[in-house]
Amino acid sequence: MAVPESIPQTQPAFSGGPPRPPKMTARGVEDGPPEDPAKTIYLPEVVVVKDLASAMGAKPFRIVAELLALKQFKTADEEVDFETASIIARNHGYQARKPPPGVLVL
């Protein structure tokens, strides 16, 4: 007589960890950043990396790391152009603009 093959019982698929938070949805998200005058910074045509960081309240090494991600190898004492600085500012939630005529930006 043939012996029936034993089939092992499996455990339920439960990891034992805490429940996950709900997934974020796009409900209530607008298409663009709101016009907040407090989030606007005025930058010259060429700006030093550490001055850009201080204008946004960030550490210079964070800006250098973002520049490395953009394939620009700069130190905190080197300069970047306005277009690159505006990309970095946008990543931090700021809107970069050129200063109006007659206004000196330091």
PDB file of N, CA and C in Angstrom:
ATOM      1  N   MET A   1       0.833  -1.160   0.000  1.00  0.00           N
ATOM      2  CA  MET A   1       0.000   0.000   0.000  1.00  0.00           C
ATOM      3  C   MET A   1       0.887   1.236   0.000  1.00  0.00           C
ATOM      4  N   ALA A   2       0.474   2.262  -0.750  1.00  0.00           N
ATOM      5  CA  ALA A   2       1.263   3.487  -0.890  1.00  0.00           C
ATOM      6  C   ALA A   2       0.977   4.417   0.283  1.00  0.00           C
ATOM      7  N   VAL A   3       2.032   5.019   0.776  1.00  0.00           N
ATOM      8  CA  VAL A   3       1.905   5.957   1.896  1.00  0.00           C
ATOM      9  C   VAL A   3       1.581   7.337   1.330  1.00  0.00           C
ATOM     10  N   PRO A   4       0.500   8.001   1.829  1.00  0.00           N
ATOM     11  CA  PRO A   4       0.189   9.333   1.305  1.00  0.00           C
ATOM     12  C   PRO A   4       1.290  10.328   1.667  1.00  0.00           C
ATOM     13  N   GLU A   5       1.601  11.176   0.707  1.00  0.00           N
ATOM     14  CA  GLU A   5       2.658  12.175   0.902  1.00  0.00           C
ATOM     15  C   GLU A   5       2.146  13.291   1.811  1.00  0.00           C
ATOM     16  N   SER A   6       2.931  13.645   2.769  1.00  0.00           N
ATOM     17  CA  SER A   6       2.534  14.664   3.740  1.00  0.00           C
ATOM     18  C   SER A   6       2.737  16.058   3.142  1.00  0.00           C
ATOM     19  N   ILE A   7       1.697  16.870   3.170  1.00  0.00           N
ATOM     20  CA  ILE A   7       1.778  18.243   2.665  1.00  0.00           C
ATOM     21  C   ILE A   7       1.893  19.166   3.870  1.00  0.00           C
ATOM     22  N   PRO A   8       2.994  19.927   3.963  1.00  0.00           N
ATOM     23  CA  PRO A   8       3.144  20.801   5.125  1.00  0.00           C
ATOM     24  C   PRO A   8       2.147  21.955   5.087  1.00  0.00           C
ATOM     25  N   GLN A   9       1.683  22.332   6.254  1.00  0.00           N
ATOM     26  CA  GLN A   9       0.780  23.463   6.369  1.00  0.00           C
ATOM     27  C   GLN A   9       1.590  24.753   6.313  1.00  0.00           C
ATOM     28  N   THR A  10       1.082  25.745   5.614  1.00  0.00           N
ATOM     29  CA  THR A  10       1.795  27.015   5.504  1.00  0.00           C
ATOM     30  C   THR A  10       1.256  28.013   6.518  1.00  0.00           C
ATOM     31  N   GLN A  11       2.097  28.944   6.864  1.00  0.00           N
ATOM     32  CA  GLN A  11       1.713  30.001   7.785  1.00  0.00           C
ATOM     33  C   GLN A  11       1.029  31.123   7.007  1.00  0.00           C
ATOM     34  N   PRO A  12       0.121  31.867   7.638  1.00  0.00           N
ATOM     35  CA  PRO A  12      -0.471  33.010   6.938  1.00  0.00           C
ATOM     36  C   PRO A  12       0.586  34.068   6.656  1.00  0.00           C
ATOM     37  N   ALA A  13       0.412  34.786   5.569  1.00  0.00           N
ATOM     38  CA  ALA A  13       1.389  35.794   5.152  1.00  0.00           C
ATOM     39  C   ALA A  13       1.192  37.063   5.970  1.00  0.00           C
ATOM     40  N   PHE A  14       1.814  37.108   7.120  1.00  0.00           N
ATOM     41  CA  PHE A  14       1.754  38.292   7.978  1.00  0.00           C
ATOM     42  C   PHE A  14       3.156  38.570   8.462  1.00  0.00           C
ATOM     43  N   SER A  15       3.626  39.778   8.253  1.00  0.00           N
ATOM     44  CA  SER A  15       5.003  40.082   8.600  1.00  0.00           C
ATOM     45  C   SER A  15       5.188  40.362  10.077  1.00  0.00           C
ATOM     46  N   GLY A  16       4.115  40.703  10.785  1.00  0.00           N
ATOM     47  CA  GLY A  16       4.234  40.968  12.200  1.00  0.00           C
ATOM     48  C   GLY A  16       4.587  42.406  12.518  1.00  0.00           C
ATOM     49  N   GLY A  17       4.799  43.227  11.501  1.00  0.00           N
ATOM     50  CA  GLY A  17       5.153  44.625  11.720  1.00  0.00           C
ATOM     51  C   GLY A  17       3.918  45.490  11.884  1.00  0.00           C
ATOM     52  N   PRO A  18       4.125  46.756  12.166  1.00  0.00           N
ATOM     53  CA  PRO A  18       2.981  47.665  12.304  1.00  0.00           C
ATOM     54  C   PRO A  18       2.321  47.899  10.951  1.00  0.00           C
ATOM     55  N   PRO A  19       1.076  48.317  10.931  1.00  0.00           N
ATOM     56  CA  PRO A  19       0.397  48.557   9.652  1.00  0.00           C
ATOM     57  C   PRO A  19       1.035  49.735   8.914  1.00  0.00           C
ATOM     58  N   ARG A  20       0.965  49.700   7.622  1.00  0.00           N
ATOM     59  CA  ARG A  20       1.529  50.762   6.786  1.00  0.00           C
ATOM     60  C   ARG A  20       0.618  51.982   6.795  1.00  0.00           C
ATOM     61  N   PRO A  21       1.208  53.175   6.620  1.00  0.00           N
ATOM     62  CA  PRO A  21       0.357  54.366   6.512  1.00  0.00           C
ATOM     63  C   PRO A  21      -0.387  54.354   5.175  1.00  0.00           C
ATOM     64  N   PRO A  22      -1.501  55.061   5.084  1.00  0.00           N
ATOM     65  CA  PRO A  22      -2.241  55.068   3.818  1.00  0.00           C
ATOM     66  C   PRO A  22      -1.429  55.729   2.716  1.00  0.00           C
ATOM     67  N   LYS A  23      -1.690  55.315   1.498  1.00  0.00           N
ATOM     68  CA  LYS A  23      -0.986  55.882   0.353  1.00  0.00           C
ATOM     69  C   LYS A  23      -1.430  57.314   0.126  1.00  0.00           C
ATOM     70  N   MET A  24      -0.481  58.153  -0.281  1.00  0.00           N
ATOM     71  CA  MET A  24      -0.786  59.555  -0.567  1.00  0.00           C
ATOM     72  C   MET A  24      -1.435  59.636  -1.948  1.00  0.00           C
ATOM     73  N   THR A  25      -2.438  60.453  -2.065  1.00  0.00           N
ATOM     74  CA  THR A  25      -3.107  60.643  -3.344  1.00  0.00           C
ATOM     75  C   THR A  25      -2.903  62.081  -3.799  1.00  0.00           C
ATOM     76  N   ALA A  26      -3.266  62.348  -5.004  1.00  0.00           N
ATOM     77  CA  ALA A  26      -3.076  63.673  -5.581  1.00  0.00           C
ATOM     78  C   ALA A  26      -4.283  64.569  -5.356  1.00  0.00           C
ATOM     79  N   ARG A  27      -5.137  64.236  -4.434  1.00  0.00           N
ATOM     80  CA  ARG A  27      -6.309  65.045  -4.165  1.00  0.00           C
ATOM     81  C   ARG A  27      -5.909  66.367  -3.531  1.00  0.00           C
ATOM     82  N   GLY A  28      -6.417  67.451  -4.076  1.00  0.00           N
ATOM     83  CA  GLY A  28      -6.159  68.763  -3.502  1.00  0.00           C
ATOM     84  C   GLY A  28      -4.811  69.359  -3.864  1.00  0.00           C
ATOM     85  N   VAL A  29      -4.106  68.787  -4.814  1.00  0.00           N
ATOM     86  CA  VAL A  29      -2.804  69.300  -5.219  1.00  0.00           C
ATOM     87  C   VAL A  29      -2.993  70.193  -6.435  1.00  0.00           C
ATOM     88  N   GLU A  30      -2.458  71.415  -6.367  1.00  0.00           N
ATOM     89  CA  GLU A  30      -2.562  72.314  -7.507  1.00  0.00           C
ATOM     90  C   GLU A  30      -1.448  72.025  -8.501  1.00  0.00           C
ATOM     91  N   ASP A  31      -1.585  72.565  -9.703  1.00  0.00           N
ATOM     92  CA  ASP A  31      -0.621  72.288 -10.752  1.00  0.00           C
ATOM     93  C   ASP A  31       0.688  73.043 -10.594  1.00  0.00           C
ATOM     94  N   GLY A  32       0.718  74.129  -9.921  1.00  0.00           N
ATOM     95  CA  GLY A  32       1.959  74.877  -9.795  1.00  0.00           C
ATOM     96  C   GLY A  32       2.153  75.374  -8.385  1.00  0.00           C
ATOM     97  N   PRO A  33       3.359  75.864  -8.102  1.00  0.00           N
ATOM     98  CA  PRO A  33       3.570  76.393  -6.767  1.00  0.00           C
ATOM     99  C   PRO A  33       2.777  77.680  -6.587  1.00  0.00           C
ATOM    100  N   PRO A  34       2.197  77.894  -5.425  1.00  0.00           N
ATOM    101  CA  PRO A  34       1.444  79.123  -5.213  1.00  0.00           C
ATOM    102  C   PRO A  34       2.368  80.336  -5.201  1.00  0.00           C
ATOM    103  N   GLU A  35       1.857  81.465  -5.613  1.00  0.00           N
ATOM    104  CA  GLU A  35       2.640  82.698  -5.614  1.00  0.00           C
ATOM    105  C   GLU A  35       2.753  83.193  -4.180  1.00  0.00           C
ATOM    106  N   ASP A  36       3.834  82.870  -3.545  1.00  0.00           N
ATOM    107  CA  ASP A  36       4.085  83.297  -2.183  1.00  0.00           C
ATOM    108  C   ASP A  36       5.274  84.242  -2.213  1.00  0.00           C
ATOM    109  N   PRO A  37       5.064  85.523  -1.914  1.00  0.00           N
ATOM    110  CA  PRO A  37       6.192  86.458  -1.986  1.00  0.00           C
ATOM    111  C   PRO A  37       7.298  86.124  -1.001  1.00  0.00           C
ATOM    112  N   ALA A  38       6.982  85.417   0.067  1.00  0.00           N
ATOM    113  CA  ALA A  38       8.020  85.041   1.024  1.00  0.00           C
ATOM    114  C   ALA A  38       8.926  83.959   0.461  1.00  0.00           C
ATOM    115  N   LYS A  39       8.482  83.223  -0.538  1.00  0.00           N
ATOM    116  CA  LYS A  39       9.268  82.153  -1.132  1.00  0.00           C
ATOM    117  C   LYS A  39       9.955  82.592  -2.427  1.00  0.00           C
ATOM    118  N   THR A  40      10.056  83.879  -2.665  1.00  0.00           N
ATOM    119  CA  THR A  40      10.749  84.404  -3.836  1.00  0.00           C
ATOM    120  C   THR A  40      12.102  84.942  -3.407  1.00  0.00           C
ATOM    121  N   ILE A  41      13.155  84.531  -4.107  1.00  0.00           N
ATOM    122  CA  ILE A  41      14.487  85.072  -3.833  1.00  0.00           C
ATOM    123  C   ILE A  41      15.004  85.724  -5.099  1.00  0.00           C
ATOM    124  N   TYR A  42      15.711  86.810  -4.920  1.00  0.00           N
ATOM    125  CA  TYR A  42      16.306  87.541  -6.041  1.00  0.00           C
ATOM    126  C   TYR A  42      17.771  87.178  -6.123  1.00  0.00           C
ATOM    127  N   LEU A  43      18.178  86.708  -7.302  1.00  0.00           N
ATOM    128  CA  LEU A  43      19.545  86.267  -7.509  1.00  0.00           C
ATOM    129  C   LEU A  43      20.173  87.023  -8.670  1.00  0.00           C
ATOM    130  N   PRO A  44      21.467  87.347  -8.549  1.00  0.00           N
ATOM    131  CA  PRO A  44      22.149  87.975  -9.681  1.00  0.00           C
ATOM    132  C   PRO A  44      22.415  86.958 -10.790  1.00  0.00           C
ATOM    133  N   GLU A  45      23.013  87.420 -11.867  1.00  0.00           N
ATOM    134  CA  GLU A  45      23.292  86.552 -13.015  1.00  0.00           C
ATOM    135  C   GLU A  45      24.247  85.420 -12.641  1.00  0.00           C
ATOM    136  N   VAL A  46      25.201  85.699 -11.758  1.00  0.00           N
ATOM    137  CA  VAL A  46      26.152  84.701 -11.263  1.00  0.00           C
ATOM    138  C   VAL A  46      26.147  84.788  -9.742  1.00  0.00           C
ATOM    139  N   VAL A  47      26.008  83.643  -9.072  1.00  0.00           N
ATOM    140  CA  VAL A  47      25.921  83.625  -7.612  1.00  0.00           C
ATOM    141  C   VAL A  47      26.876  82.571  -7.051  1.00  0.00           C
ATOM    142  N   VAL A  48      27.497  82.890  -5.904  1.00  0.00           N
ATOM    143  CA  VAL A  48      28.385  81.951  -5.216  1.00  0.00           C
ATOM    144  C   VAL A  48      27.507  80.914  -4.511  1.00  0.00           C
ATOM    145  N   VAL A  49      27.953  79.666  -4.495  1.00  0.00           N
ATOM    146  CA  VAL A  49      27.157  78.563  -3.962  1.00  0.00           C
ATOM    147  C   VAL A  49      26.790  78.793  -2.502  1.00  0.00           C
ATOM    148  N   LYS A  50      27.737  79.252  -1.680  1.00  0.00           N
ATOM    149  CA  LYS A  50      27.418  79.444  -0.261  1.00  0.00           C
ATOM    150  C   LYS A  50      26.471  80.617  -0.042  1.00  0.00           C
ATOM    151  N   ASP A  51      26.485  81.619  -0.945  1.00  0.00           N
ATOM    152  CA  ASP A  51      25.513  82.710  -0.858  1.00  0.00           C
ATOM    153  C   ASP A  51      24.117  82.225  -1.244  1.00  0.00           C
ATOM    154  N   LEU A  52      24.040  81.336  -2.218  1.00  0.00           N
ATOM    155  CA  LEU A  52      22.761  80.742  -2.591  1.00  0.00           C
ATOM    156  C   LEU A  52      22.196  79.931  -1.434  1.00  0.00           C
ATOM    157  N   ALA A  53      23.061  79.180  -0.768  1.00  0.00           N
ATOM    158  CA  ALA A  53      22.622  78.371   0.366  1.00  0.00           C
ATOM    159  C   ALA A  53      22.110  79.248   1.502  1.00  0.00           C
ATOM    160  N   SER A  54      22.805  80.333   1.794  1.00  0.00           N
ATOM    161  CA  SER A  54      22.354  81.196   2.887  1.00  0.00           C
ATOM    162  C   SER A  54      21.060  81.925   2.528  1.00  0.00           C
ATOM    163  N   ALA A  55      20.850  82.237   1.261  1.00  0.00           N
ATOM    164  CA  ALA A  55      19.612  82.889   0.839  1.00  0.00           C
ATOM    165  C   ALA A  55      18.412  81.959   1.027  1.00  0.00           C
ATOM    166  N   MET A  56      18.638  80.650   0.927  1.00  0.00           N
ATOM    167  CA  MET A  56      17.547  79.697   1.076  1.00  0.00           C
ATOM    168  C   MET A  56      17.494  79.082   2.469  1.00  0.00           C
ATOM    169  N   GLY A  57      18.465  79.406   3.313  1.00  0.00           N
ATOM    170  CA  GLY A  57      18.485  78.829   4.656  1.00  0.00           C
ATOM    171  C   GLY A  57      18.924  77.378   4.660  1.00  0.00           C
ATOM    172  N   ALA A  58      19.788  77.008   3.716  1.00  0.00           N
ATOM    173  CA  ALA A  58      20.270  75.629   3.611  1.00  0.00           C
ATOM    174  C   ALA A  58      21.770  75.596   3.875  1.00  0.00           C
ATOM    175  N   LYS A  59      22.290  74.406   4.103  1.00  0.00           N
ATOM    176  CA  LYS A  59      23.727  74.222   4.293  1.00  0.00           C
ATOM    177  C   LYS A  59      24.403  74.144   2.916  1.00  0.00           C
ATOM    178  N   PRO A  60      25.590  74.736   2.779  1.00  0.00           N
ATOM    179  CA  PRO A  60      26.268  74.715   1.472  1.00  0.00           C
ATOM    180  C   PRO A  60      26.553  73.316   0.938  1.00  0.00           C
ATOM    181  N   PHE A  61      26.827  72.348   1.824  1.00  0.00           N
ATOM    182  CA  PHE A  61      27.135  71.004   1.323  1.00  0.00           C
ATOM    183  C   PHE A  61      25.918  70.360   0.672  1.00  0.00           C
ATOM    184  N   ARG A  62      24.704  70.738   1.085  1.00  0.00           N
ATOM    185  CA  ARG A  62      23.496  70.224   0.431  1.00  0.00           C
ATOM    186  C   ARG A  62      23.392  70.753  -1.000  1.00  0.00           C
ATOM    187  N   ILE A  63      23.734  72.027  -1.173  1.00  0.00           N
ATOM    188  CA  ILE A  63      23.694  72.629  -2.511  1.00  0.00           C
ATOM    189  C   ILE A  63      24.762  71.998  -3.395  1.00  0.00           C
ATOM    190  N   VAL A  64      25.958  71.755  -2.830  1.00  0.00           N
ATOM    191  CA  VAL A  64      27.026  71.108  -3.591  1.00  0.00           C
ATOM    192  C   VAL A  64      26.597  69.705  -4.008  1.00  0.00           C
ATOM    193  N   ALA A  65      25.895  68.980  -3.128  1.00  0.00           N
ATOM    194  CA  ALA A  65      25.420  67.635  -3.472  1.00  0.00           C
ATOM    195  C   ALA A  65      24.388  67.685  -4.603  1.00  0.00           C
ATOM    196  N   GLU A  66      23.516  68.688  -4.575  1.00  0.00           N
ATOM    197  CA  GLU A  66      22.536  68.815  -5.660  1.00  0.00           C
ATOM    198  C   GLU A  66      23.209  69.200  -6.970  1.00  0.00           C
ATOM    199  N   LEU A  67      24.253  69.998  -6.884  1.00  0.00           N
ATOM    200  CA  LEU A  67      25.004  70.345  -8.095  1.00  0.00           C
ATOM    201  C   LEU A  67      25.701  69.117  -8.665  1.00  0.00           C
ATOM    202  N   LEU A  68      26.201  68.249  -7.801  1.00  0.00           N
ATOM    203  CA  LEU A  68      26.817  67.008  -8.275  1.00  0.00           C
ATOM    204  C   LEU A  68      25.786  66.136  -8.987  1.00  0.00           C
ATOM    205  N   ALA A  69      24.555  66.135  -8.501  1.00  0.00           N
ATOM    206  CA  ALA A  69      23.496  65.377  -9.171  1.00  0.00           C
ATOM    207  C   ALA A  69      23.184  65.960 -10.543  1.00  0.00           C
ATOM    208  N   LEU A  70      23.431  67.268 -10.709  1.00  0.00           N
ATOM    209  CA  LEU A  70      23.229  67.927 -12.002  1.00  0.00           C
ATOM    210  C   LEU A  70      24.483  67.886 -12.867  1.00  0.00           C
ATOM    211  N   LYS A  71      25.464  67.098 -12.442  1.00  0.00           N
ATOM    212  CA  LYS A  71      26.739  66.923 -13.170  1.00  0.00           C
ATOM    213  C   LYS A  71      27.566  68.206 -13.221  1.00  0.00           C
ATOM    214  N   GLN A  72      27.470  69.020 -12.171  1.00  0.00           N
ATOM    215  CA  GLN A  72      28.295  70.216 -12.066  1.00  0.00           C
ATOM    216  C   GLN A  72      29.155  70.072 -10.820  1.00  0.00           C
ATOM    217  N   PHE A  73      30.452  70.036 -11.016  1.00  0.00           N
ATOM    218  CA  PHE A  73      31.386  69.814  -9.922  1.00  0.00           C
ATOM    219  C   PHE A  73      31.862  71.155  -9.394  1.00  0.00           C
ATOM    220  N   LYS A  74      31.188  71.643  -8.362  1.00  0.00           N
ATOM    221  CA  LYS A  74      31.476  72.949  -7.773  1.00  0.00           C
ATOM    222  C   LYS A  74      31.744  72.786  -6.286  1.00  0.00           C
ATOM    223  N   THR A  75      32.508  73.727  -5.735  1.00  0.00           N
ATOM    224  CA  THR A  75      32.685  73.796  -4.289  1.00  0.00           C
ATOM    225  C   THR A  75      31.821  74.935  -3.767  1.00  0.00           C
ATOM    226  N   ALA A  76      31.835  75.127  -2.451  1.00  0.00           N
ATOM    227  CA  ALA A  76      31.000  76.162  -1.848  1.00  0.00           C
ATOM    228  C   ALA A  76      31.481  77.563  -2.207  1.00  0.00           C
ATOM    229  N   ASP A  77      32.747  77.707  -2.599  1.00  0.00           N
ATOM    230  CA  ASP A  77      33.302  79.017  -2.925  1.00  0.00           C
ATOM    231  C   ASP A  77      33.257  79.341  -4.416  1.00  0.00           C
ATOM    232  N   GLU A  78      32.710  78.461  -5.231  1.00  0.00           N
ATOM    233  CA  GLU A  78      32.643  78.704  -6.666  1.00  0.00           C
ATOM    234  C   GLU A  78      31.283  79.270  -7.056  1.00  0.00           C
ATOM    235  N   GLU A  79      31.207  79.769  -8.286  1.00  0.00           N
ATOM    236  CA  GLU A  79      29.992  80.430  -8.761  1.00  0.00           C
ATOM    237  C   GLU A  79      29.191  79.520  -9.686  1.00  0.00           C
ATOM    238  N   VAL A  80      27.867  79.736  -9.683  1.00  0.00           N
ATOM    239  CA  VAL A  80      26.977  79.058 -10.629  1.00  0.00           C
ATOM    240  C   VAL A  80      26.153  80.121 -11.346  1.00  0.00           C
ATOM    241  N   ASP A  81      25.657  79.771 -12.524  1.00  0.00           N
ATOM    242  CA  ASP A  81      24.865  80.728 -13.291  1.00  0.00           C
ATOM    243  C   ASP A  81      23.425  80.782 -12.764  1.00  0.00           C
ATOM    244  N   PHE A  82      22.666  81.740 -13.255  1.00  0.00           N
ATOM    245  CA  PHE A  82      21.306  81.970 -12.771  1.00  0.00           C
ATOM    246  C   PHE A  82      20.397  80.783 -13.053  1.00  0.00           C
ATOM    247  N   GLU A  83      20.517  80.151 -14.225  1.00  0.00           N
ATOM    248  CA  GLU A  83      19.645  79.042 -14.580  1.00  0.00           C
ATOM    249  C   GLU A  83      19.836  77.864 -13.632  1.00  0.00           C
ATOM    250  N   THR A  84      21.096  77.544 -13.331  1.00  0.00           N
ATOM    251  CA  THR A  84      21.374  76.447 -12.408  1.00  0.00           C
ATOM    252  C   THR A  84      20.892  76.790 -11.000  1.00  0.00           C
ATOM    253  N   ALA A  85      21.132  78.028 -10.578  1.00  0.00           N
ATOM    254  CA  ALA A  85      20.684  78.456  -9.252  1.00  0.00           C
ATOM    255  C   ALA A  85      19.162  78.420  -9.140  1.00  0.00           C
ATOM    256  N   SER A  86      18.463  78.736 -10.225  1.00  0.00           N
ATOM    257  CA  SER A  86      16.999  78.707 -10.178  1.00  0.00           C
ATOM    258  C   SER A  86      16.480  77.276 -10.098  1.00  0.00           C
ATOM    259  N   ILE A  87      17.173  76.322 -10.703  1.00  0.00           N
ATOM    260  CA  ILE A  87      16.792  74.911 -10.593  1.00  0.00           C
ATOM    261  C   ILE A  87      16.947  74.445  -9.146  1.00  0.00           C
ATOM    262  N   ILE A  88      18.063  74.800  -8.528  1.00  0.00           N
ATOM    263  CA  ILE A  88      18.308  74.433  -7.130  1.00  0.00           C
ATOM    264  C   ILE A  88      17.263  75.094  -6.230  1.00  0.00           C
ATOM    265  N   ALA A  89      16.959  76.361  -6.488  1.00  0.00           N
ATOM    266  CA  ALA A  89      15.977  77.077  -5.674  1.00  0.00           C
ATOM    267  C   ALA A  89      14.599  76.440  -5.816  1.00  0.00           C
ATOM    268  N   ARG A  90      14.236  76.028  -7.026  1.00  0.00           N
ATOM    269  CA  ARG A  90      12.944  75.388  -7.254  1.00  0.00           C
ATOM    270  C   ARG A  90      12.848  74.070  -6.488  1.00  0.00           C
ATOM    271  N   ASN A  91      13.969  73.328  -6.393  1.00  0.00           N
ATOM    272  CA  ASN A  91      13.973  72.079  -5.635  1.00  0.00           C
ATOM    273  C   ASN A  91      13.740  72.321  -4.148  1.00  0.00           C
ATOM    274  N   HIS A  92      14.079  73.508  -3.669  1.00  0.00           N
ATOM    275  CA  HIS A  92      13.897  73.850  -2.257  1.00  0.00           C
ATOM    276  C   HIS A  92      12.599  74.615  -2.014  1.00  0.00           C
ATOM    277  N   GLY A  93      11.780  74.773  -3.024  1.00  0.00           N
ATOM    278  CA  GLY A  93      10.493  75.424  -2.860  1.00  0.00           C
ATOM    279  C   GLY A  93      10.521  76.927  -3.052  1.00  0.00           C
ATOM    280  N   TYR A  94      11.596  77.469  -3.588  1.00  0.00           N
ATOM    281  CA  TYR A  94      11.710  78.905  -3.827  1.00  0.00           C
ATOM    282  C   TYR A  94      11.551  79.196  -5.306  1.00  0.00           C
ATOM    283  N   GLN A  95      11.158  80.418  -5.591  1.00  0.00           N
ATOM    284  CA  GLN A  95      11.096  80.880  -6.968  1.00  0.00           C
ATOM    285  C   GLN A  95      12.181  81.930  -7.134  1.00  0.00           C
ATOM    286  N   ALA A  96      13.143  81.658  -8.001  1.00  0.00           N
ATOM    287  CA  ALA A  96      14.260  82.570  -8.223  1.00  0.00           C
ATOM    288  C   ALA A  96      13.900  83.570  -9.312  1.00  0.00           C
ATOM    289  N   ARG A  97      14.194  84.820  -9.045  1.00  0.00           N
ATOM    290  CA  ARG A  97      13.958  85.884 -10.022  1.00  0.00           C
ATOM    291  C   ARG A  97      15.179  86.782 -10.075  1.00  0.00           C
ATOM    292  N   LYS A  98      15.321  87.445 -11.207  1.00  0.00           N
ATOM    293  CA  LYS A  98      16.375  88.446 -11.328  1.00  0.00           C
ATOM    294  C   LYS A  98      15.893  89.721 -10.642  1.00  0.00           C
ATOM    295  N   PRO A  99      16.777  90.456 -10.006  1.00  0.00           N
ATOM    296  CA  PRO A  99      16.337  91.659  -9.279  1.00  0.00           C
ATOM    297  C   PRO A  99      15.840  92.745 -10.237  1.00  0.00           C
ATOM    298  N   PRO A 100      14.898  93.559  -9.784  1.00  0.00           N
ATOM    299  CA  PRO A 100      14.431  94.658 -10.633  1.00  0.00           C
ATOM    300  C   PRO A 100      15.550  95.684 -10.818  1.00  0.00           C
ATOM    301  N   PRO A 101      15.468  96.501 -11.867  1.00  0.00           N
ATOM    302  CA  PRO A 101      16.522  97.500 -12.115  1.00  0.00           C
ATOM    303  C   PRO A 101      16.660  98.456 -10.936  1.00  0.00           C
ATOM    304  N   GLY A 102      17.897  98.757 -10.607  1.00  0.00           N
ATOM    305  CA  GLY A 102      18.180  99.696  -9.529  1.00  0.00           C
ATOM    306  C   GLY A 102      18.291  99.057  -8.162  1.00  0.00           C
ATOM    307  N   VAL A 103      18.067  97.737  -8.068  1.00  0.00           N
ATOM    308  CA  VAL A 103      18.170  97.047  -6.792  1.00  0.00           C
ATOM    309  C   VAL A 103      19.460  96.248  -6.772  1.00  0.00           C
ATOM    310  N   LEU A 104      20.256  96.443  -5.723  1.00  0.00           N
ATOM    311  CA  LEU A 104      21.530  95.749  -5.581  1.00  0.00           C
ATOM    312  C   LEU A 104      21.309  94.508  -4.705  1.00  0.00           C
ATOM    313  N   VAL A 105      21.717  93.349  -5.209  1.00  0.00           N
ATOM    314  CA  VAL A 105      21.579  92.103  -4.468  1.00  0.00           C
ATOM    315  C   VAL A 105      22.962  91.663  -4.055  1.00  0.00           C
ATOM    316  N   LEU A 106      23.124  91.400  -2.773  1.00  0.00           N
ATOM    317  CA  LEU A 106      24.418  90.918  -2.263  1.00  0.00           C
ATOM    318  C   LEU A 106      24.356  89.481  -1.894  1.00  0.00           C
TER     319      LEU A 106
END
